[in-house]
Amino acid sequence: MNENWHMTSAIELGLAIEKGYIDPRELTEYFLDRISKLDPHNKIYLRTTTDRARTAARSAFSRSKSGLRLSILDGVPISWKDLFDTNGDITSHGSPILINRIAKQDAIVVERAELAGLVCLGKTNQTEYAFSILGLNPHFGTPSNPFDNVTERLPGGSTSGGAVSVSSGLAAAAIGSDTGGSVRVPSAWNGLVGLKTSFGRLPLQGVLPLSTSLDTVGPLTRNVDDAAAIFSILDGKSSTNVKPWINIFGISPKLIQLVCPKGFVWEKLTPDIESVTINAIEKISSSGVTITTKEVKELSEVDSLINHFGPYHASECHAIWGSQIENNPNLVYPPILERIRLGGQMTASSVEQIKNKLQIAANSLHGWMKEHGILVCPTVPITPPSIKEVEKNFEFWKKTNSEVLRNTRLGNFLNCCAITLPCGKDNNGIPIGLMLMAPWGDDELLLEVAATIEKILNS
């Protein structure tokens, strides 16, 4: 079985440990060996936490032998984005400016994962300060999308290394952050499930920030069940031998109401994305799910607002990191430097005005969705361009970054929870994602619906 451990879901690995089929020590060594062989230039993992992983694996083995496992995922190895503090290790936020920053304690979500027995393999690559959706990092190298063996394509960001660590079989799951789509975009481009949790649902203490009002923590996994199990653990709901709280059979399709929004979320799609997502929605509908097509005015309002004023959270990023960046501007990738500096030019009154308008739109949308249903649309409008095509052409970088963010950022600015599910591939074999978006606080409902939709899409 160990020949396929790297392509096995987190829950399946956890159950195999429980039954004595897998020794968590061997499992951890298996993943560490794959990382050493397949990521020699540290483009996926900036750093492995080898000693910590082995210590955790030994403890997990002892518990498995004594029948005292901490959770269904006790002993399962995962990766963490390089903005989560792990005690005694470097947390650099993907930036050479912070390369000597040593965490003094674990982030709360890391603590919760450890209390459930999850094994930390290391810290994965990301965009500097998590402030781009493309996944480029010219300082440490950019992990390429593993689904194209000919052209080195963008992995999606900012949780670039996290997504590739799972899709390349270098971790059973990954933990990332999502401020405008940074869990969902790399998940979509890597054929994974990516959960953007409700803002404030999972604690941010010990998570290096991009935005104090938009940052969220979420898992990147092989399936919805894994996402639900990890969400439950990070939410502090893990207990001895806990099974995922989600009903793994999902809920009846006839009880699900989805709304397919009219308008810009369907515009300027890569032809393959358009056909694949339309086919997916038709398949879901034919399985008994009620899907209606409606105008959702709040989406257009928010899109226009952000296009006019710019992303207000750039001001929050500048307030946090601006002084360090201005002391070392040559150590910041120019497009990222420009975005952060633009945040410094935004006035407090304009930021407050934007936030107030977004809150009004969010409240309106949440009430509307409670009545009409969960939104469904393509996760990303385009397939990933080549790394070389984007890295040196800053204008193309800005254009592509804006295009890729278009749909996912709606979930953040409208204070929703959202999830992307694999729904097919384009003609080059690159995965395509379908996004579901629900009101704030409906994370459990969203996961239940997603479990049903996933089964339909996989049938």
Protein backbone atom coordinates (compact mmCIF):
# COMPACT_ATOMS: atom_id res chain seq x y z
CA MET A 1 0.00 0.00 0.00
CA ASN A 2 2.88 2.39 0.73
CA GLU A 3 3.44 2.94 -2.98
CA ASN A 4 0.20 4.92 -2.96
CA TRP A 5 0.42 6.67 0.42
CA HIS A 6 1.17 9.99 -1.28
CA MET A 7 -2.08 9.86 -3.25
CA THR A 8 -4.26 8.65 -0.37
CA SER A 9 -6.69 10.94 1.43
CA ALA A 10 -5.92 12.12 4.95
CA ILE A 11 -8.87 10.25 6.47
CA GLU A 12 -7.95 7.01 4.69
CA LEU A 13 -4.42 7.30 6.07
CA GLY A 14 -5.80 8.01 9.54
CA LEU A 15 -8.10 4.99 9.42
CA ALA A 16 -5.23 2.78 8.24
CA ILE A 17 -3.17 3.97 11.22
CA GLU A 18 -6.10 3.19 13.53
CA LYS A 19 -6.38 -0.34 12.15
CA GLY A 20 -2.65 -0.95 12.45
CA TYR A 21 -2.05 -1.10 8.70
CA ILE A 22 0.26 1.94 8.72
CA ASP A 23 2.96 2.90 11.20
CA PRO A 24 2.87 6.72 11.47
CA ARG A 25 6.66 6.76 11.83
CA GLU A 26 7.05 5.02 8.47
CA LEU A 27 4.42 7.29 6.96
CA THR A 28 6.28 10.41 8.06
CA GLU A 29 9.60 9.07 6.76
CA TYR A 30 7.88 8.21 3.49
CA PHE A 31 6.76 11.82 3.01
CA LEU A 32 10.08 13.30 4.19
CA ASP A 33 11.88 11.09 1.69
CA ARG A 34 9.60 12.20 -1.14
CA ILE A 35 10.16 15.84 -0.21
CA SER A 36 13.93 15.34 -0.25
CA LYS A 37 13.83 13.66 -3.66
CA LEU A 38 11.15 15.69 -5.44
CA ASP A 39 11.77 19.15 -3.98
CA PRO A 40 15.57 19.44 -3.99
CA HIS A 41 15.56 23.21 -4.56
CA ASN A 42 13.01 23.95 -1.82
CA LYS A 43 10.50 25.58 -4.14
CA ILE A 44 7.57 23.75 -2.54
CA TYR A 45 8.78 23.49 1.06
CA LEU A 46 10.89 26.45 2.13
CA ARG A 47 11.85 24.44 5.20
CA THR A 48 11.03 21.00 6.55
CA THR A 49 10.55 20.55 10.30
CA THR A 50 12.13 17.11 10.36
CA ASP A 51 12.82 16.75 14.08
CA ARG A 52 9.37 17.99 15.01
CA ALA A 53 7.74 15.65 12.49
CA ARG A 54 9.62 12.60 13.73
CA THR A 55 8.85 13.38 17.37
CA ALA A 56 5.15 13.76 16.56
CA ALA A 57 5.15 10.55 14.54
CA ARG A 58 6.72 8.59 17.39
CA SER A 59 4.08 9.89 19.79
CA ALA A 60 1.33 9.02 17.31
CA PHE A 61 2.72 5.49 17.02
CA SER A 62 2.67 5.03 20.80
CA ARG A 63 -0.91 6.26 21.00
CA SER A 64 -2.02 3.99 18.16
CA LYS A 65 -0.59 0.98 20.00
CA SER A 66 -2.27 1.88 23.29
CA GLY A 67 -5.65 2.78 21.80
CA LEU A 68 -5.38 6.42 22.85
CA ARG A 69 -5.44 8.17 19.48
CA LEU A 70 -6.27 11.87 19.65
CA SER A 71 -8.37 12.10 16.49
CA ILE A 72 -9.13 10.38 13.22
CA LEU A 73 -6.09 12.18 11.74
CA ASP A 74 -3.65 11.33 14.54
CA GLY A 75 -0.32 10.59 12.84
CA VAL A 76 -1.23 12.05 9.44
CA PRO A 77 1.46 14.37 7.95
CA ILE A 78 0.45 17.80 6.64
CA SER A 79 2.12 21.03 5.50
CA TRP A 80 1.74 24.59 6.78
CA LYS A 81 2.00 27.82 4.81
CA ASP A 82 4.99 29.98 5.73
CA LEU A 83 2.85 32.45 7.67
CA PHE A 84 1.89 30.11 10.52
CA ASP A 85 4.15 30.33 13.54
CA THR A 86 5.70 27.04 14.63
CA ASN A 87 7.69 27.35 17.81
CA GLY A 88 11.44 27.64 17.29
CA ASP A 89 11.18 27.70 13.50
CA ILE A 90 11.45 30.46 10.92
CA THR A 91 8.20 32.05 9.75
CA SER A 92 9.15 34.39 6.91
CA HIS A 93 5.82 35.17 5.19
CA GLY A 94 7.52 34.27 1.92
CA SER A 95 9.82 37.29 2.24
CA PRO A 96 13.62 37.49 2.50
CA ILE A 97 13.11 40.49 4.79
CA LEU A 98 11.75 38.16 7.48
CA ILE A 99 14.07 35.23 6.82
CA ASN A 100 15.59 35.45 10.32
CA ARG A 101 12.29 35.74 12.17
CA ILE A 102 12.02 32.86 14.67
CA ALA A 103 8.59 32.04 16.10
CA LYS A 104 8.45 31.97 19.90
CA GLN A 105 5.34 29.80 20.07
CA ASP A 106 2.90 27.91 17.88
CA ALA A 107 -0.05 29.62 16.25
CA ILE A 108 -3.30 28.60 17.93
CA VAL A 109 -4.39 26.57 14.90
CA VAL A 110 -1.03 24.79 14.92
CA GLU A 111 -1.56 24.00 18.61
CA ARG A 112 -5.00 22.59 17.86
CA ALA A 113 -3.63 20.47 15.02
CA GLU A 114 -0.93 19.09 17.32
CA LEU A 115 -3.51 18.33 20.01
CA ALA A 116 -5.26 16.19 17.37
CA GLY A 117 -2.01 14.41 16.51
CA LEU A 118 -1.40 15.88 13.06
CA VAL A 119 2.26 15.77 12.02
CA CYS A 120 3.87 19.01 10.81
CA LEU A 121 6.17 18.24 7.87
CA GLY A 122 7.28 21.83 7.30
CA LYS A 123 6.56 25.32 6.02
CA THR A 124 5.53 25.76 2.40
CA ASN A 125 6.29 28.47 -0.12
CA GLN A 126 3.96 31.40 -0.72
CA THR A 127 3.73 34.78 -2.37
CA GLU A 128 5.45 37.55 -0.38
CA TYR A 129 3.16 38.75 2.40
CA ALA A 130 0.43 36.60 0.78
CA PHE A 131 -0.30 39.56 -1.48
CA SER A 132 -0.82 37.96 -4.88
CA ILE A 133 -3.07 35.24 -6.22
CA LEU A 134 -0.59 33.88 -8.79
CA GLY A 135 1.90 32.09 -6.55
CA LEU A 136 5.08 33.68 -7.91
CA ASN A 137 8.04 34.04 -5.55
CA PRO A 138 11.18 35.13 -7.41
CA HIS A 139 13.23 35.15 -4.18
CA PHE A 140 12.78 31.51 -3.18
CA GLY A 141 11.61 30.11 -6.51
CA THR A 142 8.10 29.35 -7.74
CA PRO A 143 6.72 25.80 -7.50
CA SER A 144 5.33 24.85 -10.89
CA ASN A 145 1.93 23.34 -11.46
CA PRO A 146 2.47 19.56 -11.52
CA PHE A 147 -0.27 18.94 -14.09
CA ASP A 148 1.81 20.17 -17.02
CA ASN A 149 5.04 18.28 -17.68
CA VAL A 150 5.97 20.45 -20.66
CA THR A 151 5.35 24.05 -19.60
CA GLU A 152 6.11 25.37 -16.12
CA ARG A 153 2.80 26.94 -15.21
CA LEU A 154 1.69 29.06 -12.27
CA PRO A 155 0.59 27.08 -9.21
CA GLY A 156 -1.82 29.71 -7.93
CA GLY A 157 -1.29 31.62 -4.72
CA SER A 158 -0.71 32.79 -2.33
CA THR A 159 -0.78 29.25 -0.83
CA SER A 160 1.35 28.04 -3.73
CA GLY A 161 3.60 25.55 -1.97
CA GLY A 162 0.72 24.21 0.10
CA ALA A 163 -1.34 23.31 -2.95
CA VAL A 164 1.59 21.75 -4.80
CA SER A 165 2.65 19.83 -1.67
CA VAL A 166 -0.68 17.98 -1.79
CA SER A 167 -1.08 17.65 -5.55
CA SER A 168 2.51 16.37 -5.86
CA GLY A 169 2.06 13.88 -3.03
CA LEU A 170 4.37 15.63 -0.55
CA ALA A 171 1.70 15.99 2.17
CA ALA A 172 -1.67 14.44 2.92
CA ALA A 173 -3.21 17.91 3.26
CA ALA A 174 -2.13 21.53 3.60
CA ILE A 175 -3.17 24.49 5.73
CA GLY A 176 -3.22 27.89 4.08
CA SER A 177 -4.83 31.30 4.31
CA ASP A 178 -7.40 33.02 2.12
CA THR A 179 -7.75 36.81 1.91
CA GLY A 180 -8.94 37.13 -1.68
CA GLY A 181 -8.81 33.54 -2.91
CA SER A 182 -5.44 32.26 -1.69
CA VAL A 183 -6.78 28.83 -0.69
CA ARG A 184 -9.32 28.46 -3.49
CA VAL A 185 -7.28 29.53 -6.54
CA PRO A 186 -4.30 27.20 -5.95
CA SER A 187 -6.73 24.43 -5.01
CA ALA A 188 -8.66 24.91 -8.25
CA TRP A 189 -5.50 24.87 -10.39
CA ASN A 190 -4.17 21.81 -8.53
CA GLY A 191 -7.30 19.66 -8.57
CA LEU A 192 -7.98 20.02 -4.84
CA VAL A 193 -10.78 20.98 -2.50
CA GLY A 194 -10.09 24.38 -0.95
CA LEU A 195 -12.15 25.81 1.93
CA LYS A 196 -12.34 29.54 2.64
CA THR A 197 -13.77 29.66 6.14
CA SER A 198 -15.94 32.42 7.57
CA PHE A 199 -13.88 35.37 8.80
CA GLY A 200 -13.18 34.96 12.51
CA ARG A 201 -14.26 31.32 12.64
CA LEU A 202 -10.69 30.04 13.02
CA PRO A 203 -8.26 31.96 15.25
CA LEU A 204 -5.57 34.12 13.63
CA GLN A 205 -3.24 34.43 16.62
CA GLY A 206 0.22 33.42 15.45
CA VAL A 207 -0.69 33.84 11.77
CA LEU A 208 1.32 36.58 10.06
CA PRO A 209 -1.23 38.96 8.56
CA LEU A 210 -1.97 40.47 5.20
CA SER A 211 -5.30 41.98 6.20
CA THR A 212 -6.71 42.33 9.70
CA SER A 213 -10.27 42.36 8.34
CA LEU A 214 -10.16 39.70 5.61
CA ASP A 215 -7.60 36.99 6.49
CA THR A 216 -9.00 33.50 7.04
CA VAL A 217 -7.44 30.08 7.66
CA GLY A 218 -8.47 27.06 5.61
CA PRO A 219 -7.42 23.58 4.42
CA LEU A 220 -6.43 22.35 0.97
CA THR A 221 -7.34 18.69 0.65
CA ARG A 222 -8.04 15.77 -1.66
CA ASN A 223 -11.74 15.66 -0.84
CA VAL A 224 -14.49 17.33 1.15
CA ASP A 225 -14.38 14.78 3.98
CA ASP A 226 -10.73 15.67 4.62
CA ALA A 227 -11.57 19.37 4.58
CA ALA A 228 -14.40 18.81 7.06
CA ALA A 229 -12.22 16.77 9.41
CA ILE A 230 -9.42 19.35 9.41
CA PHE A 231 -11.87 22.22 9.80
CA SER A 232 -13.37 20.45 12.81
CA ILE A 233 -9.92 20.06 14.36
CA LEU A 234 -8.84 23.66 13.73
CA ASP A 235 -12.18 24.85 15.05
CA GLY A 236 -11.36 23.18 18.35
CA LYS A 237 -13.91 20.38 18.03
CA SER A 238 -11.51 17.44 18.00
CA SER A 239 -11.88 14.73 20.62
CA THR A 240 -10.64 11.17 21.06
CA ASN A 241 -11.34 9.11 17.94
CA VAL A 242 -13.58 11.86 16.60
CA LYS A 243 -15.06 11.11 13.22
CA PRO A 244 -15.76 14.01 10.89
CA TRP A 245 -18.85 15.75 12.23
CA ILE A 246 -20.08 16.08 8.68
CA ASN A 247 -22.43 13.39 7.41
CA ILE A 248 -20.09 11.70 4.95
CA PHE A 249 -23.01 10.81 2.74
CA GLY A 250 -23.89 14.47 2.37
CA ILE A 251 -27.50 15.54 2.23
CA SER A 252 -30.21 14.75 -0.28
CA PRO A 253 -29.76 16.61 -3.58
CA LYS A 254 -33.45 17.48 -3.46
CA LEU A 255 -32.83 19.57 -0.33
CA ILE A 256 -30.15 21.71 -1.98
CA GLN A 257 -30.86 25.07 -3.60
CA LEU A 258 -28.14 26.69 -5.70
CA VAL A 259 -28.16 30.01 -7.53
CA CYS A 260 -26.10 30.54 -10.65
CA PRO A 261 -25.48 34.32 -10.80
CA LYS A 262 -25.92 36.13 -14.07
CA GLY A 263 -23.30 38.56 -15.29
CA PHE A 264 -19.56 39.10 -15.03
CA VAL A 265 -18.64 35.93 -13.11
CA TRP A 266 -19.32 34.06 -16.36
CA GLU A 267 -17.59 36.55 -18.65
CA LYS A 268 -14.17 36.20 -20.31
CA LEU A 269 -13.78 32.56 -19.34
CA THR A 270 -11.24 30.34 -21.00
CA PRO A 271 -13.38 28.22 -23.41
CA ASP A 272 -12.51 24.97 -21.64
CA ILE A 273 -13.45 26.44 -18.26
CA GLU A 274 -16.76 27.65 -19.61
CA SER A 275 -17.71 24.28 -21.13
CA VAL A 276 -16.49 22.19 -18.18
CA THR A 277 -18.25 24.28 -15.53
CA ILE A 278 -21.49 24.45 -17.53
CA ASN A 279 -21.41 20.68 -17.94
CA ALA A 280 -20.78 20.29 -14.22
CA ILE A 281 -23.73 22.50 -13.33
CA GLU A 282 -25.98 20.59 -15.75
CA LYS A 283 -24.88 17.31 -14.16
CA ILE A 284 -25.64 18.65 -10.69
CA SER A 285 -29.05 19.85 -11.83
CA SER A 286 -29.89 16.54 -13.46
CA SER A 287 -29.14 14.81 -10.14
CA GLY A 288 -32.01 16.58 -8.41
CA VAL A 289 -30.39 19.75 -7.09
CA THR A 290 -32.49 22.86 -7.67
CA ILE A 291 -30.44 25.43 -9.60
CA THR A 292 -31.87 28.78 -10.63
CA THR A 293 -30.22 31.55 -12.61
CA LYS A 294 -30.68 34.99 -11.09
CA GLU A 295 -29.29 38.49 -11.06
CA VAL A 296 -27.31 39.01 -7.84
CA LYS A 297 -26.87 42.77 -7.65
CA GLU A 298 -24.50 42.69 -4.67
CA LEU A 299 -21.83 40.91 -6.71
CA SER A 300 -21.80 43.63 -9.36
CA GLU A 301 -21.88 46.36 -6.72
CA VAL A 302 -18.82 44.99 -4.95
CA ASP A 303 -16.93 44.33 -8.19
CA SER A 304 -17.50 47.91 -9.30
CA LEU A 305 -16.58 49.28 -5.87
CA ILE A 306 -13.25 47.46 -5.71
CA ASN A 307 -12.42 48.21 -9.34
CA HIS A 308 -12.99 51.91 -8.62
CA PHE A 309 -11.29 52.31 -5.24
CA GLY A 310 -8.85 49.41 -5.34
CA PRO A 311 -8.49 46.65 -2.74
CA TYR A 312 -8.76 48.48 0.58
CA HIS A 313 -6.83 45.78 2.46
CA ALA A 314 -3.66 47.07 0.79
CA SER A 315 -3.87 49.87 3.36
CA GLU A 316 -3.92 47.30 6.17
CA CYS A 317 -0.94 45.50 4.68
CA HIS A 318 0.98 48.78 4.40
CA ALA A 319 0.16 49.70 8.00
CA ILE A 320 1.61 46.37 9.19
CA TRP A 321 4.60 45.87 6.91
CA GLY A 322 5.20 49.25 5.24
CA SER A 323 8.13 50.42 7.38
CA GLN A 324 10.04 47.16 7.01
CA ILE A 325 9.41 47.13 3.29
CA GLU A 326 10.54 50.72 2.79
CA ASN A 327 13.75 49.91 4.65
CA ASN A 328 14.41 47.05 2.22
CA PRO A 329 12.56 47.86 -1.04
CA ASN A 330 15.16 45.99 -3.12
CA LEU A 331 14.11 42.78 -1.33
CA VAL A 332 10.49 43.01 -2.52
CA TYR A 333 9.25 41.80 -5.90
CA PRO A 334 8.33 45.04 -7.75
CA PRO A 335 4.62 44.30 -8.41
CA ILE A 336 4.13 43.38 -4.73
CA LEU A 337 6.00 46.51 -3.66
CA GLU A 338 3.74 48.62 -5.88
CA ARG A 339 0.56 47.06 -4.46
CA ILE A 340 1.64 47.67 -0.87
CA ARG A 341 2.73 51.24 -1.59
CA LEU A 342 -0.65 51.96 -3.16
CA GLY A 343 -2.18 50.92 0.14
CA GLY A 344 -0.14 53.60 1.86
CA GLN A 345 -1.78 56.21 -0.36
CA MET A 346 -5.32 55.31 0.67
CA THR A 347 -6.89 57.65 3.21
CA ALA A 348 -8.50 56.39 6.39
CA SER A 349 -11.79 58.00 5.40
CA SER A 350 -11.87 56.30 1.98
CA VAL A 351 -11.07 52.93 3.56
CA GLU A 352 -13.85 53.38 6.10
CA GLN A 353 -16.25 54.38 3.33
CA ILE A 354 -15.42 51.23 1.36
CA LYS A 355 -15.80 49.00 4.42
CA ASN A 356 -19.20 50.48 5.23
CA LYS A 357 -20.46 49.94 1.69
CA LEU A 358 -19.13 46.37 1.68
CA GLN A 359 -20.85 45.61 4.97
CA ILE A 360 -24.18 46.88 3.65
CA ALA A 361 -23.80 44.72 0.52
CA ALA A 362 -22.76 41.70 2.60
CA ASN A 363 -25.75 41.98 4.94
CA SER A 364 -28.06 42.28 1.96
CA LEU A 365 -26.53 39.28 0.17
CA HIS A 366 -26.57 37.04 3.24
CA GLY A 367 -30.26 37.64 3.76
CA TRP A 368 -30.92 37.05 0.08
CA MET A 369 -28.97 33.76 0.05
CA LYS A 370 -30.80 32.48 3.12
CA GLU A 371 -33.95 32.67 1.01
CA HIS A 372 -32.68 31.74 -2.46
CA GLY A 373 -29.70 29.43 -1.95
CA ILE A 374 -25.93 29.01 -2.15
CA LEU A 375 -24.14 30.65 -5.08
CA VAL A 376 -22.30 28.56 -7.68
CA CYS A 377 -19.89 29.78 -10.37
CA PRO A 378 -16.43 29.09 -11.84
CA THR A 379 -13.67 29.47 -9.27
CA VAL A 380 -11.12 30.98 -11.67
CA PRO A 381 -11.88 32.46 -15.11
CA ILE A 382 -8.62 31.38 -16.76
CA THR A 383 -6.18 28.48 -16.77
CA PRO A 384 -2.70 29.16 -15.37
CA PRO A 385 -0.25 30.91 -17.72
CA SER A 386 3.42 29.95 -17.82
CA ILE A 387 5.65 31.20 -15.03
CA LYS A 388 8.11 32.78 -17.46
CA GLU A 389 5.31 34.60 -19.26
CA VAL A 390 4.25 36.38 -16.08
CA GLU A 391 7.40 36.72 -13.98
CA LYS A 392 9.24 39.32 -16.08
CA ASN A 393 6.27 41.17 -17.57
CA PHE A 394 4.90 43.30 -14.74
CA GLU A 395 1.98 44.66 -16.75
CA PHE A 396 0.92 41.14 -17.68
CA TRP A 397 1.39 40.17 -14.02
CA LYS A 398 -1.04 42.89 -12.92
CA LYS A 399 -3.57 42.01 -15.62
CA THR A 400 -3.44 38.30 -14.82
CA ASN A 401 -3.57 38.84 -11.06
CA SER A 402 -6.72 40.93 -11.47
CA GLU A 403 -8.38 38.40 -13.78
CA VAL A 404 -7.68 35.45 -11.50
CA LEU A 405 -8.96 37.27 -8.38
CA ARG A 406 -12.21 38.39 -9.97
CA ASN A 407 -14.57 35.68 -8.71
CA THR A 408 -12.90 34.47 -5.54
CA ARG A 409 -12.42 37.91 -3.96
CA LEU A 410 -16.21 38.30 -3.85
CA GLY A 411 -16.37 35.77 -1.04
CA ASN A 412 -13.93 37.78 1.07
CA PHE A 413 -15.30 41.26 0.44
CA LEU A 414 -18.87 40.01 0.98
CA ASN A 415 -17.91 38.17 4.19
CA CYS A 416 -18.95 34.72 3.00
CA CYS A 417 -17.57 31.23 3.41
CA ALA A 418 -16.73 29.45 0.16
CA ILE A 419 -15.30 26.23 -1.22
CA THR A 420 -13.87 25.12 -4.54
CA LEU A 421 -14.37 21.60 -5.88
CA PRO A 422 -12.60 19.93 -8.82
CA CYS A 423 -15.07 19.59 -11.69
CA GLY A 424 -12.91 18.52 -14.63
CA LYS A 425 -9.82 19.45 -16.64
CA ASP A 426 -9.02 21.55 -19.69
CA ASN A 427 -7.58 20.17 -22.92
CA ASN A 428 -4.06 20.41 -21.45
CA GLY A 429 -5.01 18.38 -18.40
CA ILE A 430 -5.06 21.36 -16.02
CA PRO A 431 -7.76 21.03 -13.33
CA ILE A 432 -10.78 23.33 -13.23
CA GLY A 433 -12.65 24.36 -10.09
CA LEU A 434 -16.31 25.04 -9.30
CA MET A 435 -16.97 27.45 -6.42
CA LEU A 436 -19.82 27.38 -3.91
CA MET A 437 -20.38 30.45 -1.71
CA ALA A 438 -22.61 30.64 1.40
CA PRO A 439 -23.41 33.29 4.04
CA TRP A 440 -21.03 33.99 6.91
CA GLY A 441 -21.17 31.31 9.59
CA ASP A 442 -22.69 28.62 7.37
CA ASP A 443 -19.43 26.68 7.07
CA GLU A 444 -20.97 23.40 8.21
CA LEU A 445 -23.89 23.73 5.79
CA LEU A 446 -21.50 24.61 2.99
CA LEU A 447 -19.43 21.49 3.67
CA GLU A 448 -22.53 19.29 3.77
CA VAL A 449 -23.70 20.67 0.42
CA ALA A 450 -20.19 20.38 -1.01
CA ALA A 451 -20.01 16.71 0.04
CA THR A 452 -23.15 15.98 -1.95
CA ILE A 453 -22.01 18.00 -4.97
CA GLU A 454 -18.63 16.27 -4.90
CA LYS A 455 -20.28 12.85 -5.03
CA ILE A 456 -22.43 13.94 -7.96
CA LEU A 457 -19.42 15.28 -9.87
CA ASN A 458 -17.44 12.09 -9.20
CA SER A 459 -20.26 9.76 -10.20
